[in-house]
């Protein structure tokens, strides 16, 4: 974070003031390789490679609800555990095998794990909105 450093000058006592540069989250995600669109007022984010660590703080700050579509060589989704506003998550055609990191995503209504290595979804039992999805399925 940049800081504005003001020295004790001309009898005026000053301090260090952080400069907060607000950035458009959509633009920041696009710059990091995300495809960002909007459908019925909800953001839809797509990515075809692993999630950059600096994307997580941006994703955490997105307004609810939003959707994620991840594809490709993604194996680890533990970074998603803090993204409480995800409503729809599509992990199909990834190398994900463990979905236990999703157990705290109480707003998740749809999850697609087709064509993945996922064999056990028992960690998701507490996701009532997911269990009561229109399809009656967790996947």
C-alpha atoms as a PDB file:
ATOM      1  CA  UNK A   1       0.000   0.000   0.000  1.00  0.00           C
ATOM      2  CA  UNK A   2       1.376   3.408  -0.893  1.00  0.00           C
ATOM      3  CA  UNK A   3       1.656   5.953   1.889  1.00  0.00           C
ATOM      4  CA  UNK A   4       1.804   9.683   1.949  1.00  0.00           C
ATOM      5  CA  UNK A   5       4.611  10.571   4.336  1.00  0.00           C
ATOM      6  CA  UNK A   6       4.307  14.007   5.860  1.00  0.00           C
ATOM      7  CA  UNK A   7       7.266  15.147   7.948  1.00  0.00           C
ATOM      8  CA  UNK A   8       7.244  17.540  10.850  1.00  0.00           C
ATOM      9  CA  UNK A   9       7.685  20.676   8.753  1.00  0.00           C
ATOM     10  CA  UNK A  10       7.352  24.372   9.487  1.00  0.00           C
ATOM     11  CA  UNK A  11       5.880  23.812  12.935  1.00  0.00           C
ATOM     12  CA  UNK A  12       3.064  21.577  11.653  1.00  0.00           C
ATOM     13  CA  UNK A  13       2.853  18.130  13.259  1.00  0.00           C
ATOM     14  CA  UNK A  14       1.982  15.534  10.660  1.00  0.00           C
ATOM     15  CA  UNK A  15       1.997  11.773  10.285  1.00  0.00           C
ATOM     16  CA  UNK A  16       1.808   9.035   7.708  1.00  0.00           C
ATOM     17  CA  UNK A  17      -1.502   8.743   5.871  1.00  0.00           C
ATOM     18  CA  UNK A  18      -2.162   5.595   3.796  1.00  0.00           C
ATOM     19  CA  UNK A  19      -3.318   6.238   0.258  1.00  0.00           C
ATOM     20  CA  UNK A  20      -6.147   3.863  -0.533  1.00  0.00           C
ATOM     21  CA  UNK A  21      -6.646   3.443  -4.229  1.00  0.00           C
ATOM     22  CA  UNK A  22     -10.022   1.992  -4.955  1.00  0.00           C
ATOM     23  CA  UNK A  23     -10.086  -0.147  -8.033  1.00  0.00           C
ATOM     24  CA  UNK A  24     -13.027  -1.467  -9.975  1.00  0.00           C
ATOM     25  CA  UNK A  25     -13.204  -5.149  -8.925  1.00  0.00           C
ATOM     26  CA  UNK A  26     -14.433  -6.233 -12.362  1.00  0.00           C
ATOM     27  CA  UNK A  27     -11.523  -4.526 -14.080  1.00  0.00           C
ATOM     28  CA  UNK A  28      -9.073  -6.001 -11.566  1.00  0.00           C
ATOM     29  CA  UNK A  29     -10.401  -9.526 -12.156  1.00  0.00           C
ATOM     30  CA  UNK A  30     -10.284  -9.109 -15.935  1.00  0.00           C
ATOM     31  CA  UNK A  31      -6.681  -7.918 -15.613  1.00  0.00           C
ATOM     32  CA  UNK A  32      -5.947 -11.144 -13.710  1.00  0.00           C
ATOM     33  CA  UNK A  33      -7.336 -13.307 -16.507  1.00  0.00           C
ATOM     34  CA  UNK A  34     -10.952 -13.755 -15.425  1.00  0.00           C
ATOM     35  CA  UNK A  35     -13.862 -13.577 -17.840  1.00  0.00           C
ATOM     36  CA  UNK A  36     -16.516 -11.413 -16.187  1.00  0.00           C
ATOM     37  CA  UNK A  37     -20.125 -11.053 -17.302  1.00  0.00           C
ATOM     38  CA  UNK A  38     -23.458 -10.239 -15.720  1.00  0.00           C
ATOM     39  CA  UNK A  39     -26.747 -12.097 -15.846  1.00  0.00           C
ATOM     40  CA  UNK A  40     -29.905 -10.812 -14.149  1.00  0.00           C
ATOM     41  CA  UNK A  41     -27.941  -8.595 -11.799  1.00  0.00           C
ATOM     42  CA  UNK A  42     -25.518 -11.318 -10.737  1.00  0.00           C
ATOM     43  CA  UNK A  43     -21.852 -11.432 -11.688  1.00  0.00           C
ATOM     44  CA  UNK A  44     -20.601 -14.528 -13.480  1.00  0.00           C
ATOM     45  CA  UNK A  45     -16.878 -15.199 -13.316  1.00  0.00           C
ATOM     46  CA  UNK A  46     -14.994 -17.781 -15.367  1.00  0.00           C
ATOM     47  CA  UNK A  47     -11.421 -18.994 -15.178  1.00  0.00           C
ATOM     48  CA  UNK A  48      -9.554 -21.757 -16.997  1.00  0.00           C
ATOM     49  CA  UNK A  49      -6.454 -21.976 -14.828  1.00  0.00           C
ATOM     50  CA  UNK A  50      -5.676 -21.875 -11.092  1.00  0.00           C
ATOM     51  CA  UNK A  51      -6.990 -18.932  -9.099  1.00  0.00           C
ATOM     52  CA  UNK A  52      -4.307 -16.310  -8.456  1.00  0.00           C
ATOM     53  CA  UNK A  53      -3.926 -15.683  -4.707  1.00  0.00           C
ATOM     54  CA  UNK A  54      -4.452 -11.932  -5.188  1.00  0.00           C
ATOM     55  CA  UNK A  55      -7.898 -12.637  -6.711  1.00  0.00           C
ATOM     56  CA  UNK A  56      -9.279 -13.997  -3.444  1.00  0.00           C
ATOM     57  CA  UNK A  57      -9.489 -10.659  -1.642  1.00  0.00           C
ATOM     58  CA  UNK A  58     -11.293  -9.166  -4.651  1.00  0.00           C
ATOM     59  CA  UNK A  59     -13.701 -12.116  -4.824  1.00  0.00           C
ATOM     60  CA  UNK A  60     -14.399 -11.814  -1.083  1.00  0.00           C
ATOM     61  CA  UNK A  61     -15.523  -8.232  -1.595  1.00  0.00           C
ATOM     62  CA  UNK A  62     -17.925  -8.917  -4.460  1.00  0.00           C
ATOM     63  CA  UNK A  63     -21.601  -8.230  -3.801  1.00  0.00           C
ATOM     64  CA  UNK A  64     -23.920 -11.185  -3.350  1.00  0.00           C
ATOM     65  CA  UNK A  65     -24.781 -13.262  -5.230  1.00  0.00           C
ATOM     66  CA  UNK A  66     -22.180 -14.266  -7.786  1.00  0.00           C
ATOM     67  CA  UNK A  67     -21.344 -17.358  -9.821  1.00  0.00           C
ATOM     68  CA  UNK A  68     -18.013 -19.029 -10.488  1.00  0.00           C
ATOM     69  CA  UNK A  69     -17.160 -21.333 -13.369  1.00  0.00           C
ATOM     70  CA  UNK A  70     -13.753 -22.945 -13.037  1.00  0.00           C
ATOM     71  CA  UNK A  71     -12.254 -25.257 -15.654  1.00  0.00           C
ATOM     72  CA  UNK A  72      -9.022 -26.921 -16.598  1.00  0.00           C
ATOM     73  CA  UNK A  73      -6.102 -28.023 -14.458  1.00  0.00           C
ATOM     74  CA  UNK A  74      -7.598 -26.748 -11.200  1.00  0.00           C
ATOM     75  CA  UNK A  75      -7.105 -29.268  -8.393  1.00  0.00           C
ATOM     76  CA  UNK A  76      -7.238 -27.212  -5.203  1.00  0.00           C
ATOM     77  CA  UNK A  77     -10.333 -25.174  -4.313  1.00  0.00           C
ATOM     78  CA  UNK A  78      -9.408 -24.456  -0.691  1.00  0.00           C
ATOM     79  CA  UNK A  79      -9.148 -20.730  -1.530  1.00  0.00           C
ATOM     80  CA  UNK A  80     -12.912 -20.716  -2.145  1.00  0.00           C
ATOM     81  CA  UNK A  81     -13.752 -21.444   1.500  1.00  0.00           C
ATOM     82  CA  UNK A  82     -14.051 -17.732   2.347  1.00  0.00           C
ATOM     83  CA  UNK A  83     -16.228 -16.748  -0.608  1.00  0.00           C
ATOM     84  CA  UNK A  84     -19.523 -16.665   1.256  1.00  0.00           C
ATOM     85  CA  UNK A  85     -21.468 -14.948  -1.561  1.00  0.00           C
ATOM     86  CA  UNK A  86     -21.073 -17.718  -4.155  1.00  0.00           C
ATOM     87  CA  UNK A  87     -24.496 -18.902  -5.254  1.00  0.00           C
ATOM     88  CA  UNK A  88     -23.515 -21.088  -8.211  1.00  0.00           C
ATOM     89  CA  UNK A  89     -20.240 -22.978  -8.569  1.00  0.00           C
ATOM     90  CA  UNK A  90     -19.339 -25.010 -11.628  1.00  0.00           C
ATOM     91  CA  UNK A  91     -16.247 -27.183 -11.223  1.00  0.00           C
ATOM     92  CA  UNK A  92     -17.002 -29.548 -14.098  1.00  0.00           C
ATOM     93  CA  UNK A  93     -14.117 -30.632 -16.264  1.00  0.00           C
ATOM     94  CA  UNK A  94     -11.531 -29.855 -13.564  1.00  0.00           C
ATOM     95  CA  UNK A  95      -9.207 -32.120 -11.614  1.00  0.00           C
ATOM     96  CA  UNK A  96     -10.888 -31.319  -8.288  1.00  0.00           C
ATOM     97  CA  UNK A  97     -11.251 -34.335  -6.024  1.00  0.00           C
ATOM     98  CA  UNK A  98     -12.069 -32.795  -2.639  1.00  0.00           C
ATOM     99  CA  UNK A  99     -15.000 -30.427  -2.063  1.00  0.00           C
ATOM    100  CA  UNK A 100     -14.752 -30.235   1.740  1.00  0.00           C
ATOM    101  CA  UNK A 101     -13.515 -26.612   1.504  1.00  0.00           C
ATOM    102  CA  UNK A 102     -17.027 -25.679   0.360  1.00  0.00           C
ATOM    103  CA  UNK A 103     -18.746 -26.799   3.565  1.00  0.00           C
ATOM    104  CA  UNK A 104     -19.146 -23.234   4.855  1.00  0.00           C
ATOM    105  CA  UNK A 105     -20.667 -21.744   1.698  1.00  0.00           C
ATOM    106  CA  UNK A 106     -24.197 -21.466   3.096  1.00  0.00           C
ATOM    107  CA  UNK A 107     -25.492 -19.436   0.111  1.00  0.00           C
ATOM    108  CA  UNK A 108     -24.480 -22.054  -2.447  1.00  0.00           C
ATOM    109  CA  UNK A 109     -27.576 -23.233  -4.312  1.00  0.00           C
ATOM    110  CA  UNK A 110     -26.013 -25.077  -7.254  1.00  0.00           C
ATOM    111  CA  UNK A 111     -22.822 -27.074  -7.595  1.00  0.00           C
ATOM    112  CA  UNK A 112     -21.642 -28.923 -10.691  1.00  0.00           C
ATOM    113  CA  UNK A 113     -18.889 -31.462 -10.120  1.00  0.00           C
ATOM    114  CA  UNK A 114     -19.509 -33.542 -13.240  1.00  0.00           C
ATOM    115  CA  UNK A 115     -16.384 -34.825 -14.995  1.00  0.00           C
ATOM    116  CA  UNK A 116     -14.222 -34.284 -11.902  1.00  0.00           C
ATOM    117  CA  UNK A 117     -12.486 -36.617  -9.453  1.00  0.00           C
ATOM    118  CA  UNK A 118     -15.081 -35.895  -6.735  1.00  0.00           C
ATOM    119  CA  UNK A 119     -16.459 -39.118  -5.244  1.00  0.00           C
ATOM    120  CA  UNK A 120     -17.561 -37.929  -1.805  1.00  0.00           C
ATOM    121  CA  UNK A 121     -19.860 -34.960  -1.180  1.00  0.00           C
ATOM    122  CA  UNK A 122     -20.700 -35.827   2.438  1.00  0.00           C
ATOM    123  CA  UNK A 123     -18.907 -32.668   3.670  1.00  0.00           C
ATOM    124  CA  UNK A 124     -21.679 -30.662   2.002  1.00  0.00           C
ATOM    125  CA  UNK A 125     -24.536 -32.122   4.064  1.00  0.00           C
ATOM    126  CA  UNK A 126     -24.994 -28.881   6.020  1.00  0.00           C
ATOM    127  CA  UNK A 127     -25.590 -26.788   2.900  1.00  0.00           C
ATOM    128  CA  UNK A 128     -29.386 -26.671   3.127  1.00  0.00           C
ATOM    129  CA  UNK A 129     -29.885 -24.346   0.160  1.00  0.00           C
ATOM    130  CA  UNK A 130     -27.856 -26.718  -1.978  1.00  0.00           C
ATOM    131  CA  UNK A 131     -29.747 -29.775  -0.815  1.00  0.00           C
ATOM    132  CA  UNK A 132     -33.062 -28.060  -1.527  1.00  0.00           C
ATOM    133  CA  UNK A 133     -32.121 -26.938  -5.011  1.00  0.00           C
ATOM    134  CA  UNK A 134     -34.807 -27.432  -7.678  1.00  0.00           C
ATOM    135  CA  UNK A 135     -32.955 -30.379  -9.168  1.00  0.00           C
ATOM    136  CA  UNK A 136     -32.971 -32.111  -5.778  1.00  0.00           C
ATOM    137  CA  UNK A 137     -29.313 -32.880  -6.285  1.00  0.00           C
ATOM    138  CA  UNK A 138     -26.037 -31.713  -4.885  1.00  0.00           C
ATOM    139  CA  UNK A 139     -24.210 -32.052  -8.141  1.00  0.00           C
END
